[in-house]
């Protein structure tokens, strides 16, 4: 039996984390959640996750600040930015600073799941 892939969902919206926790759990992933940037940074720096779904606008640290800190420490976990930020500059900065993908809110769950499967093949 293969080990479940581990995903960290980091968003300050309880609605989003609950929705993703349910959908990703049903899709066979092991899900942990974080509700602010500092908690996300601390959880993700362990390197125990296969993928992080990260919001840009969170209390404590912004998503891009979390990515920068992880890279300074050698954490190379793939990150999909999932955010309502409409600024195209944030998309470019996210990808330039190491995010593997960028999805805007509101999002369609089947599309997000397909992007996750692309990054985490069985």
N, C-alpha and C. Protein backbone atom coordinates (compact mmCIF):
# COMPACT_ATOMS: atom_id res chain seq x y z
N UNK A 1 0.85 -1.20 0.00
CA UNK A 1 0.00 0.00 0.00
C UNK A 1 0.88 1.24 0.00
N UNK A 2 0.54 2.20 -0.86
CA UNK A 2 1.32 3.43 -0.91
C UNK A 2 0.90 4.37 0.20
N UNK A 3 1.85 5.16 0.63
CA UNK A 3 1.60 6.12 1.69
C UNK A 3 0.81 7.31 1.12
N UNK A 4 -0.13 7.81 1.92
CA UNK A 4 -0.91 8.98 1.49
C UNK A 4 0.01 10.19 1.34
N UNK A 5 -0.23 10.97 0.29
CA UNK A 5 0.49 12.23 0.11
C UNK A 5 -0.04 13.23 1.13
N UNK A 6 0.88 14.01 1.68
CA UNK A 6 0.52 14.98 2.73
C UNK A 6 0.47 16.39 2.15
N UNK A 7 -0.65 17.07 2.40
CA UNK A 7 -0.85 18.44 1.91
C UNK A 7 -1.12 19.35 3.10
N UNK A 8 -0.43 20.50 3.10
CA UNK A 8 -0.71 21.56 4.08
C UNK A 8 -1.55 22.62 3.38
N UNK A 9 -2.73 22.88 3.92
CA UNK A 9 -3.61 23.92 3.41
C UNK A 9 -3.48 25.12 4.35
N UNK A 10 -3.01 26.25 3.83
CA UNK A 10 -2.79 27.44 4.64
C UNK A 10 -3.65 28.59 4.14
N UNK A 11 -4.66 28.92 4.92
CA UNK A 11 -5.58 30.00 4.56
C UNK A 11 -6.24 30.50 5.83
N UNK A 12 -6.43 31.80 5.94
CA UNK A 12 -7.06 32.35 7.14
C UNK A 12 -8.58 32.27 7.10
N UNK A 13 -9.12 31.76 6.00
CA UNK A 13 -10.56 31.57 5.90
C UNK A 13 -10.93 30.16 6.34
N UNK A 14 -11.70 30.07 7.41
CA UNK A 14 -12.12 28.76 7.91
C UNK A 14 -12.98 28.03 6.88
N UNK A 15 -13.73 28.78 6.11
CA UNK A 15 -14.57 28.17 5.07
C UNK A 15 -13.68 27.47 4.03
N UNK A 16 -12.62 28.14 3.59
CA UNK A 16 -11.72 27.56 2.59
C UNK A 16 -11.00 26.34 3.16
N UNK A 17 -10.46 26.45 4.38
CA UNK A 17 -9.72 25.31 4.94
C UNK A 17 -10.64 24.11 5.16
N UNK A 18 -11.86 24.37 5.61
CA UNK A 18 -12.81 23.27 5.82
C UNK A 18 -13.17 22.61 4.49
N UNK A 19 -13.47 23.42 3.48
CA UNK A 19 -13.80 22.91 2.15
C UNK A 19 -12.66 22.07 1.57
N UNK A 20 -11.45 22.61 1.63
CA UNK A 20 -10.30 21.90 1.07
C UNK A 20 -9.97 20.64 1.88
N UNK A 21 -10.08 20.74 3.20
CA UNK A 21 -9.82 19.58 4.05
C UNK A 21 -10.75 18.43 3.66
N UNK A 22 -12.01 18.74 3.47
CA UNK A 22 -13.00 17.73 3.09
C UNK A 22 -12.73 17.16 1.70
N UNK A 23 -12.55 18.04 0.73
CA UNK A 23 -12.36 17.60 -0.66
C UNK A 23 -11.06 16.82 -0.84
N UNK A 24 -9.98 17.31 -0.23
CA UNK A 24 -8.70 16.63 -0.38
C UNK A 24 -8.67 15.32 0.39
N UNK A 25 -9.31 15.31 1.55
CA UNK A 25 -9.42 14.06 2.31
C UNK A 25 -10.19 13.02 1.52
N UNK A 26 -11.29 13.42 0.88
CA UNK A 26 -12.09 12.51 0.06
C UNK A 26 -11.31 12.01 -1.16
N UNK A 27 -10.36 12.83 -1.62
CA UNK A 27 -9.53 12.46 -2.77
C UNK A 27 -8.34 11.58 -2.35
N UNK A 28 -8.23 11.28 -1.06
CA UNK A 28 -7.19 10.36 -0.61
C UNK A 28 -5.92 10.98 -0.07
N UNK A 29 -5.94 12.29 0.15
CA UNK A 29 -4.76 12.97 0.70
C UNK A 29 -4.88 13.10 2.21
N UNK A 30 -3.74 13.17 2.88
CA UNK A 30 -3.70 13.49 4.30
C UNK A 30 -3.52 15.00 4.40
N UNK A 31 -4.43 15.67 5.08
CA UNK A 31 -4.47 17.13 5.08
C UNK A 31 -4.24 17.68 6.48
N UNK A 32 -3.38 18.70 6.56
CA UNK A 32 -3.22 19.51 7.76
C UNK A 32 -3.54 20.94 7.36
N UNK A 33 -3.98 21.75 8.33
CA UNK A 33 -4.33 23.13 8.01
C UNK A 33 -3.60 24.10 8.92
N UNK A 34 -3.41 25.29 8.41
CA UNK A 34 -2.84 26.41 9.16
C UNK A 34 -3.66 27.64 8.84
N UNK A 35 -3.80 28.54 9.83
CA UNK A 35 -4.69 29.69 9.64
C UNK A 35 -3.96 31.03 9.62
N UNK A 36 -2.64 31.03 9.79
CA UNK A 36 -1.90 32.30 9.67
C UNK A 36 -0.50 32.00 9.13
N UNK A 37 0.18 33.06 8.73
CA UNK A 37 1.48 32.90 8.10
C UNK A 37 2.55 32.31 9.00
N UNK A 38 2.56 32.67 10.26
CA UNK A 38 3.57 32.16 11.17
C UNK A 38 3.38 30.66 11.41
N UNK A 39 2.15 30.25 11.65
CA UNK A 39 1.85 28.83 11.83
C UNK A 39 2.21 28.06 10.56
N UNK A 40 1.90 28.61 9.41
CA UNK A 40 2.22 27.98 8.13
C UNK A 40 3.72 27.80 7.99
N UNK A 41 4.47 28.86 8.27
CA UNK A 41 5.93 28.79 8.19
C UNK A 41 6.47 27.69 9.09
N UNK A 42 6.02 27.67 10.34
CA UNK A 42 6.52 26.68 11.31
C UNK A 42 6.18 25.25 10.88
N UNK A 43 4.96 25.03 10.45
CA UNK A 43 4.56 23.68 10.02
C UNK A 43 5.30 23.25 8.76
N UNK A 44 5.43 24.14 7.82
CA UNK A 44 6.03 23.80 6.53
C UNK A 44 7.53 23.65 6.55
N UNK A 45 8.19 24.26 7.52
CA UNK A 45 9.66 24.21 7.55
C UNK A 45 10.17 22.82 7.90
N UNK A 46 9.31 21.95 8.40
CA UNK A 46 9.71 20.58 8.73
C UNK A 46 10.00 19.76 7.48
N UNK A 47 9.44 20.19 6.34
CA UNK A 47 9.65 19.45 5.10
C UNK A 47 8.85 18.16 5.02
N UNK A 48 7.88 17.98 5.91
CA UNK A 48 7.13 16.72 5.94
C UNK A 48 5.93 16.70 5.00
N UNK A 49 5.68 17.80 4.31
CA UNK A 49 4.54 17.86 3.39
C UNK A 49 5.01 17.65 1.96
N UNK A 50 4.14 17.03 1.16
CA UNK A 50 4.43 16.81 -0.25
C UNK A 50 4.02 18.01 -1.10
N UNK A 51 3.11 18.83 -0.56
CA UNK A 51 2.59 20.00 -1.28
C UNK A 51 1.98 20.95 -0.27
N UNK A 52 2.08 22.25 -0.55
CA UNK A 52 1.43 23.27 0.26
C UNK A 52 0.52 24.09 -0.63
N UNK A 53 -0.72 24.27 -0.18
CA UNK A 53 -1.65 25.19 -0.84
C UNK A 53 -1.67 26.42 0.05
N UNK A 54 -1.23 27.55 -0.50
CA UNK A 54 -0.91 28.72 0.31
C UNK A 54 -1.63 29.97 -0.15
N UNK A 55 -2.29 30.63 0.79
CA UNK A 55 -2.93 31.93 0.53
C UNK A 55 -1.87 33.02 0.66
N UNK A 56 -2.00 34.08 -0.11
CA UNK A 56 -1.06 35.20 -0.02
C UNK A 56 -1.37 36.10 1.16
N UNK A 57 -2.63 36.44 1.37
CA UNK A 57 -2.99 37.42 2.40
C UNK A 57 -3.43 36.71 3.67
N UNK A 58 -2.47 36.54 4.58
CA UNK A 58 -2.76 35.93 5.88
C UNK A 58 -2.13 36.78 6.98
N UNK A 59 -2.69 36.70 8.18
CA UNK A 59 -2.08 37.43 9.30
C UNK A 59 -0.71 36.85 9.64
N UNK A 60 0.15 37.68 10.18
CA UNK A 60 1.46 37.24 10.64
C UNK A 60 2.53 37.36 9.57
N UNK A 61 2.42 36.56 8.54
CA UNK A 61 3.33 36.60 7.39
C UNK A 61 2.51 36.42 6.13
N UNK A 62 2.87 37.15 5.10
CA UNK A 62 2.24 36.94 3.79
C UNK A 62 2.75 35.65 3.19
N UNK A 63 1.98 35.08 2.26
CA UNK A 63 2.37 33.85 1.61
C UNK A 63 3.76 33.92 0.97
N UNK A 64 4.05 35.04 0.29
CA UNK A 64 5.36 35.17 -0.35
C UNK A 64 6.48 35.24 0.68
N UNK A 65 6.22 35.83 1.83
CA UNK A 65 7.23 35.86 2.90
C UNK A 65 7.49 34.45 3.43
N UNK A 66 6.45 33.65 3.52
CA UNK A 66 6.61 32.26 3.96
C UNK A 66 7.50 31.51 2.97
N UNK A 67 7.20 31.65 1.68
CA UNK A 67 8.01 30.99 0.65
C UNK A 67 9.47 31.42 0.75
N UNK A 68 9.70 32.73 0.89
CA UNK A 68 11.07 33.24 0.99
C UNK A 68 11.81 32.64 2.18
N UNK A 69 11.15 32.57 3.32
CA UNK A 69 11.80 32.02 4.52
C UNK A 69 12.11 30.53 4.34
N UNK A 70 11.18 29.80 3.74
CA UNK A 70 11.44 28.38 3.50
C UNK A 70 12.65 28.20 2.58
N UNK A 71 12.72 29.01 1.52
CA UNK A 71 13.84 28.87 0.59
C UNK A 71 15.16 29.20 1.27
N UNK A 72 15.17 30.20 2.16
CA UNK A 72 16.38 30.53 2.91
C UNK A 72 16.85 29.35 3.75
N UNK A 73 15.92 28.51 4.17
CA UNK A 73 16.24 27.36 5.02
C UNK A 73 16.38 26.06 4.22
N UNK A 74 16.24 26.15 2.90
CA UNK A 74 16.42 24.97 2.06
C UNK A 74 15.18 24.09 1.92
N UNK A 75 14.02 24.58 2.35
CA UNK A 75 12.78 23.82 2.20
C UNK A 75 12.31 23.99 0.76
N UNK A 76 12.12 22.87 0.07
CA UNK A 76 11.77 22.91 -1.34
C UNK A 76 10.42 22.28 -1.64
N UNK A 77 9.52 22.28 -0.68
CA UNK A 77 8.19 21.72 -0.87
C UNK A 77 7.45 22.52 -1.94
N UNK A 78 6.84 21.86 -2.92
CA UNK A 78 6.08 22.58 -3.94
C UNK A 78 4.91 23.35 -3.33
N UNK A 79 4.69 24.56 -3.85
CA UNK A 79 3.62 25.43 -3.34
C UNK A 79 2.71 25.82 -4.49
N UNK A 80 1.40 25.64 -4.25
CA UNK A 80 0.39 26.20 -5.15
C UNK A 80 -0.22 27.39 -4.41
N UNK A 81 -0.07 28.57 -4.98
CA UNK A 81 -0.70 29.76 -4.40
C UNK A 81 -2.18 29.73 -4.75
N UNK A 82 -3.02 29.91 -3.75
CA UNK A 82 -4.47 29.94 -3.93
C UNK A 82 -4.95 31.21 -3.24
N UNK A 83 -5.24 32.23 -4.02
CA UNK A 83 -5.51 33.52 -3.40
C UNK A 83 -6.49 34.35 -4.21
N UNK A 84 -7.12 35.27 -3.52
CA UNK A 84 -8.04 36.19 -4.15
C UNK A 84 -7.38 37.46 -4.65
N UNK A 85 -6.06 37.57 -4.50
CA UNK A 85 -5.34 38.74 -4.95
C UNK A 85 -5.50 38.87 -6.47
N UNK A 86 -5.96 40.02 -6.91
CA UNK A 86 -6.23 40.24 -8.34
C UNK A 86 -5.03 40.80 -9.09
N UNK A 87 -4.00 41.19 -8.37
CA UNK A 87 -2.85 41.85 -8.95
C UNK A 87 -2.00 40.86 -9.75
N UNK A 88 -1.81 41.12 -11.04
CA UNK A 88 -1.00 40.24 -11.87
C UNK A 88 0.45 40.19 -11.39
N UNK A 89 0.91 41.25 -10.76
CA UNK A 89 2.28 41.27 -10.23
C UNK A 89 2.47 40.17 -9.19
N UNK A 90 1.44 39.91 -8.39
CA UNK A 90 1.52 38.86 -7.38
C UNK A 90 1.64 37.49 -8.03
N UNK A 91 0.97 37.29 -9.14
CA UNK A 91 1.08 36.03 -9.87
C UNK A 91 2.53 35.83 -10.31
N UNK A 92 3.09 36.84 -10.96
CA UNK A 92 4.46 36.76 -11.47
C UNK A 92 5.45 36.58 -10.32
N UNK A 93 5.30 37.37 -9.26
CA UNK A 93 6.20 37.25 -8.10
C UNK A 93 6.11 35.87 -7.48
N UNK A 94 4.92 35.33 -7.36
CA UNK A 94 4.73 34.01 -6.77
C UNK A 94 5.49 32.95 -7.57
N UNK A 95 5.34 32.98 -8.88
CA UNK A 95 6.02 32.01 -9.73
C UNK A 95 7.53 32.24 -9.74
N UNK A 96 7.95 33.50 -9.80
CA UNK A 96 9.38 33.81 -9.78
C UNK A 96 10.05 33.40 -8.47
N UNK A 97 9.30 33.45 -7.38
CA UNK A 97 9.87 33.15 -6.07
C UNK A 97 9.69 31.69 -5.67
N UNK A 98 9.17 30.88 -6.58
CA UNK A 98 9.19 29.45 -6.34
C UNK A 98 7.87 28.71 -6.30
N UNK A 99 6.75 29.40 -6.37
CA UNK A 99 5.47 28.68 -6.42
C UNK A 99 5.42 27.90 -7.74
N UNK A 100 4.86 26.70 -7.69
CA UNK A 100 4.78 25.88 -8.90
C UNK A 100 3.51 26.15 -9.70
N UNK A 101 2.55 26.84 -9.05
CA UNK A 101 1.28 27.13 -9.73
C UNK A 101 0.59 28.26 -8.97
N UNK A 102 -0.40 28.85 -9.62
CA UNK A 102 -1.15 29.96 -9.04
C UNK A 102 -2.61 29.79 -9.44
N UNK A 103 -3.49 29.76 -8.44
CA UNK A 103 -4.92 29.62 -8.70
C UNK A 103 -5.63 30.77 -8.00
N UNK A 104 -6.49 31.46 -8.75
CA UNK A 104 -7.23 32.59 -8.17
C UNK A 104 -8.55 32.13 -7.56
N UNK A 105 -8.90 32.76 -6.45
CA UNK A 105 -10.22 32.58 -5.85
C UNK A 105 -11.18 33.53 -6.55
N UNK A 106 -12.41 33.18 -6.75
CA UNK A 106 -13.00 31.88 -6.48
C UNK A 106 -12.46 30.85 -7.46
N UNK A 107 -12.34 29.61 -7.00
CA UNK A 107 -11.75 28.56 -7.81
C UNK A 107 -12.77 27.44 -7.99
N UNK A 108 -12.49 26.57 -8.96
CA UNK A 108 -13.33 25.41 -9.21
C UNK A 108 -12.59 24.19 -8.68
N UNK A 109 -13.22 23.47 -7.76
CA UNK A 109 -12.57 22.34 -7.11
C UNK A 109 -12.02 21.31 -8.09
N UNK A 110 -12.76 20.90 -9.14
CA UNK A 110 -12.19 19.91 -10.07
C UNK A 110 -10.88 20.39 -10.70
N UNK A 111 -10.80 21.68 -11.03
CA UNK A 111 -9.56 22.21 -11.62
C UNK A 111 -8.43 22.18 -10.60
N UNK A 112 -8.70 22.59 -9.36
CA UNK A 112 -7.66 22.56 -8.33
C UNK A 112 -7.19 21.13 -8.09
N UNK A 113 -8.11 20.19 -8.01
CA UNK A 113 -7.74 18.79 -7.81
C UNK A 113 -6.88 18.27 -8.96
N UNK A 114 -7.19 18.68 -10.18
CA UNK A 114 -6.38 18.27 -11.33
C UNK A 114 -4.97 18.84 -11.23
N UNK A 115 -4.86 20.08 -10.79
CA UNK A 115 -3.53 20.69 -10.63
C UNK A 115 -2.75 19.98 -9.53
N UNK A 116 -3.42 19.58 -8.48
CA UNK A 116 -2.76 18.85 -7.39
C UNK A 116 -2.31 17.48 -7.89
N UNK A 117 -3.17 16.77 -8.62
CA UNK A 117 -2.78 15.46 -9.16
C UNK A 117 -1.58 15.56 -10.09
N UNK A 118 -1.51 16.66 -10.82
CA UNK A 118 -0.37 16.88 -11.72
C UNK A 118 0.92 16.98 -10.91
N UNK A 119 0.85 17.59 -9.75
CA UNK A 119 2.04 17.79 -8.91
C UNK A 119 2.34 16.58 -8.02
N UNK A 120 1.32 15.80 -7.72
CA UNK A 120 1.47 14.66 -6.81
C UNK A 120 0.94 13.38 -7.45
N UNK A 121 1.64 12.87 -8.44
CA UNK A 121 1.16 11.65 -9.06
C UNK A 121 1.16 10.50 -8.05
N UNK A 122 0.24 9.53 -8.22
CA UNK A 122 0.17 8.41 -7.27
C UNK A 122 1.45 7.58 -7.23
